C-alpha atoms as a PDB file:
ATOM      1  CA  UNK A   1       0.007  -0.036  -0.047  1.00  0.00           C
ATOM      2  CA  UNK A   2       2.757   2.343   0.724  1.00  0.00           C
ATOM      3  CA  UNK A   3       4.312   1.833  -2.685  1.00  0.00           C
ATOM      4  CA  UNK A   4       1.001   2.661  -4.336  1.00  0.00           C
ATOM      5  CA  UNK A   5       0.751   5.833  -2.236  1.00  0.00           C
ATOM      6  CA  UNK A   6       4.268   6.791  -3.158  1.00  0.00           C
ATOM      7  CA  UNK A   7       3.574   6.200  -6.913  1.00  0.00           C
ATOM      8  CA  UNK A   8       0.425   8.276  -6.722  1.00  0.00           C
ATOM      9  CA  UNK A   9       2.046  11.184  -4.985  1.00  0.00           C
ATOM     10  CA  UNK A  10       5.036  11.030  -7.313  1.00  0.00           C
ATOM     11  CA  UNK A  11       2.848  11.222 -10.317  1.00  0.00           C
ATOM     12  CA  UNK A  12       0.709  14.132  -8.998  1.00  0.00           C
ATOM     13  CA  UNK A  13       3.339  16.310  -7.462  1.00  0.00           C
ATOM     14  CA  UNK A  14       5.273  18.877  -9.462  1.00  0.00           C
ATOM     15  CA  UNK A  15       8.814  17.862 -10.533  1.00  0.00           C
ATOM     16  CA  UNK A  16      10.511  20.051  -7.912  1.00  0.00           C
ATOM     17  CA  UNK A  17       8.429  18.587  -4.991  1.00  0.00           C
ATOM     18  CA  UNK A  18       8.915  14.884  -5.898  1.00  0.00           C
ATOM     19  CA  UNK A  19      12.121  14.411  -3.920  1.00  0.00           C
ATOM     20  CA  UNK A  20      10.544  15.992  -0.775  1.00  0.00           C
ATOM     21  CA  UNK A  21       7.597  13.616  -1.118  1.00  0.00           C
ATOM     22  CA  UNK A  22       9.879  10.616  -1.542  1.00  0.00           C
ATOM     23  CA  UNK A  23      11.933  11.600   1.534  1.00  0.00           C
ATOM     24  CA  UNK A  24       8.776  11.965   3.639  1.00  0.00           C
ATOM     25  CA  UNK A  25       7.498   8.567   2.402  1.00  0.00           C
ATOM     26  CA  UNK A  26      10.948   6.975   3.043  1.00  0.00           C
ATOM     27  CA  UNK A  27      11.058   8.339   6.703  1.00  0.00           C
ATOM     28  CA  UNK A  28       7.593   6.983   7.453  1.00  0.00           C
ATOM     29  CA  UNK A  29       8.044   3.653   5.691  1.00  0.00           C
ATOM     30  CA  UNK A  30      11.487   2.826   6.943  1.00  0.00           C
ATOM     31  CA  UNK A  31      10.831   4.178  10.411  1.00  0.00           C
ATOM     32  CA  UNK A  32       7.707   2.018  10.631  1.00  0.00           C
ATOM     33  CA  UNK A  33       9.753  -1.021   9.471  1.00  0.00           C
ATOM     34  CA  UNK A  34      12.419  -0.279  12.146  1.00  0.00           C
ATOM     35  CA  UNK A  35       9.721  -0.327  14.901  1.00  0.00           C
ATOM     36  CA  UNK A  36       8.163  -3.353  13.536  1.00  0.00           C
ATOM     37  CA  UNK A  37      11.267  -5.516  13.062  1.00  0.00           C
ATOM     38  CA  UNK A  38      12.478  -5.035  16.594  1.00  0.00           C
ATOM     39  CA  UNK A  39       9.193  -6.126  18.088  1.00  0.00           C
ATOM     40  CA  UNK A  40       8.952  -9.129  15.646  1.00  0.00           C
ATOM     41  CA  UNK A  41      12.408 -10.309  16.651  1.00  0.00           C
ATOM     42  CA  UNK A  42      11.541 -10.029  20.270  1.00  0.00           C
ATOM     43  CA  UNK A  43       8.367 -12.143  19.687  1.00  0.00           C
ATOM     44  CA  UNK A  44      10.270 -14.718  17.749  1.00  0.00           C
ATOM     45  CA  UNK A  45      12.857 -15.089  20.591  1.00  0.00           C
ATOM     46  CA  UNK A  46      10.231 -15.404  23.262  1.00  0.00           C
ATOM     47  CA  UNK A  47      10.143 -19.296  23.260  1.00  0.00           C
ATOM     48  CA  UNK A  48      13.923 -19.470  23.150  1.00  0.00           C
ATOM     49  CA  UNK A  49      14.689 -17.959  26.497  1.00  0.00           C
ATOM     50  CA  UNK A  50      17.373 -20.547  27.433  1.00  0.00           C
ATOM     51  CA  UNK A  51      19.430 -19.901  24.232  1.00  0.00           C
ATOM     52  CA  UNK A  52      18.297 -16.293  23.489  1.00  0.00           C
ATOM     53  CA  UNK A  53      21.798 -15.011  22.904  1.00  0.00           C
ATOM     54  CA  UNK A  54      22.617 -17.600  20.300  1.00  0.00           C
ATOM     55  CA  UNK A  55      19.222 -17.394  18.725  1.00  0.00           C
ATOM     56  CA  UNK A  56      19.501 -13.588  18.500  1.00  0.00           C
ATOM     57  CA  UNK A  57      23.003 -13.766  16.833  1.00  0.00           C
ATOM     58  CA  UNK A  58      21.808 -16.337  14.379  1.00  0.00           C
ATOM     59  CA  UNK A  59      18.663 -14.294  13.600  1.00  0.00           C
ATOM     60  CA  UNK A  60      20.707 -11.140  12.927  1.00  0.00           C
ATOM     61  CA  UNK A  61      23.157 -12.905  10.777  1.00  0.00           C
ATOM     62  CA  UNK A  62      20.527 -14.615   8.709  1.00  0.00           C
ATOM     63  CA  UNK A  63      18.434 -11.393   8.280  1.00  0.00           C
ATOM     64  CA  UNK A  64      21.503  -9.519   7.149  1.00  0.00           C
ATOM     65  CA  UNK A  65      22.506 -12.142   4.623  1.00  0.00           C
ATOM     66  CA  UNK A  66      18.977 -12.384   3.278  1.00  0.00           C
ATOM     67  CA  UNK A  67      18.535  -8.669   3.084  1.00  0.00           C
ATOM     68  CA  UNK A  68      21.715  -8.155   1.182  1.00  0.00           C
ATOM     69  CA  UNK A  69      20.689 -11.025  -1.264  1.00  0.00           C
ATOM     70  CA  UNK A  70      17.415  -9.275  -1.813  1.00  0.00           C
ATOM     71  CA  UNK A  71      18.864  -5.728  -2.032  1.00  0.00           C
ATOM     72  CA  UNK A  72      21.523  -6.449  -4.635  1.00  0.00           C
ATOM     73  CA  UNK A  73      19.090  -6.879  -7.627  1.00  0.00           C
ATOM     74  CA  UNK A  74      17.038  -3.883  -6.534  1.00  0.00           C
ATOM     75  CA  UNK A  75      20.252  -1.755  -6.321  1.00  0.00           C
ATOM     76  CA  UNK A  76      21.442  -3.019  -9.668  1.00  0.00           C
ATOM     77  CA  UNK A  77      18.130  -2.034 -11.287  1.00  0.00           C
ATOM     78  CA  UNK A  78      18.462   1.560 -10.190  1.00  0.00           C
ATOM     79  CA  UNK A  79      17.617   3.769 -13.121  1.00  0.00           C
ATOM     80  CA  UNK A  80      17.804   7.222 -11.527  1.00  0.00           C
ATOM     81  CA  UNK A  81      14.332   7.194 -10.148  1.00  0.00           C
ATOM     82  CA  UNK A  82      12.247   5.440  -7.576  1.00  0.00           C
ATOM     83  CA  UNK A  83      10.612   2.848  -9.831  1.00  0.00           C
ATOM     84  CA  UNK A  84      12.882  -0.185  -8.810  1.00  0.00           C
ATOM     85  CA  UNK A  85      12.251   0.627  -5.206  1.00  0.00           C
ATOM     86  CA  UNK A  86       8.541   0.807  -5.783  1.00  0.00           C
ATOM     87  CA  UNK A  87       8.590  -2.571  -7.605  1.00  0.00           C
ATOM     88  CA  UNK A  88      10.701  -4.099  -4.901  1.00  0.00           C
ATOM     89  CA  UNK A  89       8.314  -2.826  -2.111  1.00  0.00           C
ATOM     90  CA  UNK A  90       5.386  -4.346  -3.949  1.00  0.00           C
ATOM     91  CA  UNK A  91       7.020  -7.697  -4.740  1.00  0.00           C
ATOM     92  CA  UNK A  92       8.651  -8.177  -1.345  1.00  0.00           C
ATOM     93  CA  UNK A  93       5.443  -7.105   0.425  1.00  0.00           C
ATOM     94  CA  UNK A  94       3.413  -9.699  -1.598  1.00  0.00           C
ATOM     95  CA  UNK A  95       6.144 -12.343  -0.827  1.00  0.00           C
ATOM     96  CA  UNK A  96       5.957 -11.574   2.876  1.00  0.00           C
ATOM     97  CA  UNK A  97       2.178 -11.786   2.841  1.00  0.00           C
ATOM     98  CA  UNK A  98       2.346 -15.225   1.093  1.00  0.00           C
ATOM     99  CA  UNK A  99       4.895 -16.557   3.666  1.00  0.00           C
ATOM    100  CA  UNK A 100       2.906 -15.197   6.649  1.00  0.00           C
ATOM    101  CA  UNK A 101      -0.355 -16.747   5.431  1.00  0.00           C
ATOM    102  CA  UNK A 102       1.345 -20.118   4.958  1.00  0.00           C
ATOM    103  CA  UNK A 103       2.739 -20.306   8.455  1.00  0.00           C
ATOM    104  CA  UNK A 104       1.014 -22.474  10.875  1.00  0.00           C
ATOM    105  CA  UNK A 105      -0.938 -20.732  13.692  1.00  0.00           C
ATOM    106  CA  UNK A 106       0.657 -20.665  17.140  1.00  0.00           C
END
């Protein structure tokens, strides 16, 4: 949804205001992700109290490796505008929804 909002505001804003709109969107989107990911990691570590240190280290390492692997094609697709980022947000958002819906309930 945020990628659709960014695309809509980018197409409707005058050329000299598009960067400011993009920065505003980026601050909101990435700030929200920063708040969400910390809480999700804490929830994931809840049942691993006896090995929380090792689990936290493993989770951080795996998430870093996975995020780099996902960011490389997006970065290589950069064409001087925000289109590759919009496409990545939509695709990775759909992928995360599919994964979350396939997870068994706790």
